[in-house]
Amino acid sequence: MDSSRPRLANVLMLIVGLALGLALANGRPPQLRAGGGDRSGESAVTTGPIAIRYDEGNKTQIPQDALYYLDYKAGKLLATIPTFRQTLNSTRYLEPFAERDLVTDFKVDVDNGPRPHFLMTTGQLGTFGAGWAPLFVFETNSGQVAVYRIQQQTVGIKNQMKFELLELRAVSPPTAAAPPSQP
């Protein structure tokens, strides 16, 4: 009896299984996702998830993003939630922008103090986020950070944006490490 035949069959089955697994893993097209941000001169733009809705037609979960625009020369933060809307005459993607006055939110004295400088990014809350990511805005001169959230509310057939400041606090500056003592 030749003992190489069972080994050859096992090796052949292993190769077929690996090839099939590789084909199935690469067969699904990757999801198209936009994200990130950009900055130019006195303004910056970024996106971040704000909700996950369930599409009954396709039986899938669909993340919904917000678009944030920061004009730190004017001290304004704008946000909208892109939504596909088609009518007989046109197609719309952008809802009206909601606005926050960062100078008021951060209590910045633009007349007597240094010119404010804002930075922003979105973050993740993990399982506590339930599909939304907070927007963090830093004002570097005052050392403060604010957390914002935008939500879309439907009133009748009209969508309204609720753009709220959730928290504002000072960022504690890092403490300098003491130099090692010498004996």
Protein backbone atom coordinates (compact mmCIF):
# COMPACT_ATOMS: atom_id res chain seq x y z
CA MET A 1 0.00 0.00 0.00
CA ASP A 2 1.36 3.42 -0.99
CA SER A 3 1.23 5.90 1.91
CA SER A 4 1.94 8.96 -0.32
CA ARG A 5 -1.56 8.97 -1.85
CA PRO A 6 -3.44 10.08 1.34
CA ARG A 7 -0.84 12.81 1.88
CA LEU A 8 -1.18 13.99 -1.70
CA ALA A 9 -4.98 14.13 -1.35
CA ASN A 10 -4.68 16.14 1.90
CA VAL A 11 -2.21 18.59 0.37
CA LEU A 12 -4.40 18.98 -2.72
CA MET A 13 -7.49 19.63 -0.54
CA LEU A 14 -5.52 22.19 1.48
CA ILE A 15 -4.46 24.05 -1.67
CA VAL A 16 -8.02 24.02 -3.05
CA GLY A 17 -9.37 25.30 0.30
CA LEU A 18 -6.80 28.12 0.46
CA ALA A 19 -7.54 29.16 -3.12
CA LEU A 20 -11.30 29.12 -2.47
CA GLY A 21 -10.88 31.14 0.75
CA LEU A 22 -8.70 33.70 -1.02
CA ALA A 23 -11.22 34.02 -3.87
CA LEU A 24 -14.13 34.51 -1.47
CA ALA A 25 -12.26 37.03 0.67
CA ASN A 26 -11.31 39.17 -2.33
CA GLY A 27 -14.60 38.72 -4.17
CA ARG A 28 -16.55 41.32 -2.17
CA PRO A 29 -15.94 44.89 -3.34
CA PRO A 30 -14.63 47.21 -0.64
CA GLN A 31 -16.98 49.83 0.81
CA LEU A 32 -16.53 53.33 -0.50
CA ARG A 33 -15.93 55.68 2.42
CA ALA A 34 -15.01 59.31 2.43
CA GLY A 35 -13.39 61.00 5.34
CA GLY A 36 -10.64 63.15 6.59
CA GLY A 37 -10.14 66.84 6.37
CA ASP A 38 -8.24 69.62 4.72
CA ARG A 39 -7.02 73.08 5.58
CA SER A 40 -6.33 76.13 3.47
CA GLY A 41 -5.33 79.52 4.79
CA GLU A 42 -7.92 80.66 7.32
CA SER A 43 -10.31 77.72 7.01
CA ALA A 44 -10.55 73.98 7.47
CA VAL A 45 -13.02 71.26 6.53
CA THR A 46 -13.63 67.78 7.95
CA THR A 47 -16.28 65.07 8.04
CA GLY A 48 -17.47 62.66 10.67
CA PRO A 49 -20.24 60.14 11.28
CA ILE A 50 -23.35 61.38 13.07
CA ALA A 51 -25.77 58.47 12.85
CA ILE A 52 -26.37 55.00 11.49
CA ARG A 53 -29.73 54.46 9.85
CA TYR A 54 -31.28 51.23 8.68
CA ASP A 55 -32.32 50.94 5.04
CA GLU A 56 -35.40 48.70 4.93
CA GLY A 57 -35.14 48.23 1.16
CA ASN A 58 -31.59 46.88 1.18
CA LYS A 59 -31.68 45.52 4.75
CA THR A 60 -28.36 47.22 5.55
CA GLN A 61 -27.04 49.80 7.97
CA ILE A 62 -25.94 53.05 6.36
CA PRO A 63 -23.65 55.49 8.16
CA GLN A 64 -24.53 59.15 7.77
CA ASP A 65 -21.82 61.83 7.89
CA ALA A 66 -21.77 65.50 8.71
CA LEU A 67 -19.68 68.07 6.87
CA TYR A 68 -17.96 70.69 9.07
CA TYR A 69 -16.46 73.97 7.85
CA LEU A 70 -14.32 76.09 10.16
CA ASP A 71 -13.66 79.73 9.28
CA TYR A 72 -11.37 80.76 12.10
CA LYS A 73 -10.77 84.24 10.74
CA ALA A 74 -14.48 84.95 11.27
CA GLY A 75 -14.69 82.62 14.28
CA LYS A 76 -17.54 80.63 12.73
CA LEU A 77 -18.18 76.90 12.64
CA LEU A 78 -20.66 75.63 10.04
CA ALA A 79 -22.10 72.15 9.73
CA THR A 80 -24.55 70.29 7.52
CA ILE A 81 -25.63 66.74 6.90
CA PRO A 82 -25.45 65.81 3.20
CA THR A 83 -28.67 64.10 2.12
CA PHE A 84 -29.72 62.97 -1.33
CA ARG A 85 -32.95 64.75 -2.33
CA GLN A 86 -34.39 64.47 -5.82
CA THR A 87 -37.30 66.51 -7.15
CA LEU A 88 -38.77 66.86 -10.62
CA ASN A 89 -36.46 69.75 -11.49
CA SER A 90 -33.24 69.15 -9.56
CA THR A 91 -31.14 67.02 -7.29
CA ARG A 92 -29.86 68.38 -3.97
CA TYR A 93 -27.17 66.97 -1.72
CA LEU A 94 -26.58 69.70 0.84
CA GLU A 95 -29.02 70.82 3.49
CA PRO A 96 -28.80 74.35 4.90
CA PHE A 97 -25.80 74.90 7.16
CA ALA A 98 -26.18 75.31 10.92
CA GLU A 99 -23.79 77.82 12.51
CA ARG A 100 -21.93 78.20 15.81
CA ASP A 101 -20.16 81.40 16.84
CA LEU A 102 -16.85 80.15 18.24
CA VAL A 103 -15.89 83.57 19.64
CA THR A 104 -19.01 83.45 21.83
CA ASP A 105 -18.66 79.74 22.69
CA PHE A 106 -15.02 80.13 23.77
CA LYS A 107 -15.53 83.62 25.29
CA VAL A 108 -12.58 84.97 23.32
CA ASP A 109 -11.83 88.71 23.63
CA VAL A 110 -10.95 89.50 20.01
CA ASP A 111 -10.55 93.25 20.70
CA ASN A 112 -7.96 93.05 23.49
CA GLY A 113 -6.48 89.56 23.27
CA PRO A 114 -4.53 87.61 20.70
CA ARG A 115 -6.28 86.56 17.53
CA PRO A 116 -7.91 83.16 18.13
CA HIS A 117 -6.56 80.08 16.43
CA PHE A 118 -8.88 77.09 16.08
CA LEU A 119 -8.20 73.45 15.24
CA MET A 120 -10.80 70.72 14.78
CA THR A 121 -11.07 66.97 14.41
CA THR A 122 -13.67 64.27 14.85
CA GLY A 123 -13.24 61.42 17.30
CA GLN A 124 -14.75 58.05 18.10
CA LEU A 125 -16.56 57.03 21.27
CA GLY A 126 -16.50 53.31 20.50
CA THR A 127 -19.60 51.42 21.59
CA PHE A 128 -20.76 54.45 23.60
CA GLY A 129 -21.07 56.54 20.43
CA ALA A 130 -23.95 54.58 18.90
CA GLY A 131 -22.81 55.60 15.42
CA TRP A 132 -21.92 59.25 15.98
CA ALA A 133 -18.55 60.88 16.44
CA PRO A 134 -18.12 64.11 18.38
CA LEU A 135 -16.46 67.12 16.78
CA PHE A 136 -13.60 68.48 18.91
CA VAL A 137 -12.61 72.12 18.42
CA PHE A 138 -9.48 73.47 20.11
CA GLU A 139 -8.65 77.14 20.63
CA THR A 140 -4.90 77.08 21.06
CA ASN A 141 -4.36 80.56 22.57
CA SER A 142 -6.79 80.11 25.46
CA GLY A 143 -6.04 76.40 25.85
CA GLN A 144 -9.68 75.32 25.63
CA VAL A 145 -11.46 72.47 23.88
CA ALA A 146 -15.14 72.19 22.99
CA VAL A 147 -17.19 69.15 22.03
CA TYR A 148 -19.98 69.62 19.48
CA ARG A 149 -22.73 67.43 18.09
CA ILE A 150 -25.01 67.98 15.11
CA GLN A 151 -28.28 66.15 14.67
CA GLN A 152 -30.89 66.20 11.97
CA GLN A 153 -34.47 66.63 13.10
CA THR A 154 -37.43 66.23 10.77
CA VAL A 155 -40.35 68.54 11.45
CA GLY A 156 -43.17 67.67 9.07
CA ILE A 157 -41.44 67.43 5.69
CA LYS A 158 -38.66 69.88 6.57
CA ASN A 159 -35.27 68.89 7.97
CA GLN A 160 -33.75 71.08 10.66
CA MET A 161 -30.24 70.95 12.08
CA LYS A 162 -29.59 70.99 15.81
CA PHE A 163 -25.96 72.02 16.36
CA GLU A 164 -25.12 71.99 20.04
CA LEU A 165 -22.15 72.62 22.28
CA LEU A 166 -21.90 69.61 24.59
CA GLU A 167 -18.89 70.57 26.70
CA LEU A 168 -16.27 73.30 27.01
CA ARG A 169 -13.25 72.94 29.23
CA ALA A 170 -9.70 74.08 29.67
CA VAL A 171 -6.97 71.75 28.55
CA SER A 172 -4.49 71.33 31.35
CA PRO A 173 -1.02 72.12 30.06
CA PRO A 174 1.49 69.29 30.27
CA THR A 175 3.74 69.51 33.26
CA ALA A 176 7.46 69.62 32.65
CA ALA A 177 9.34 66.66 33.99
CA ALA A 178 11.64 67.55 36.84
CA PRO A 179 15.31 67.09 36.02
CA PRO A 180 16.87 64.06 37.68
CA SER A 181 18.55 64.88 40.94
CA GLN A 182 22.26 64.30 41.14
CA PRO A 183 23.84 62.85 44.31
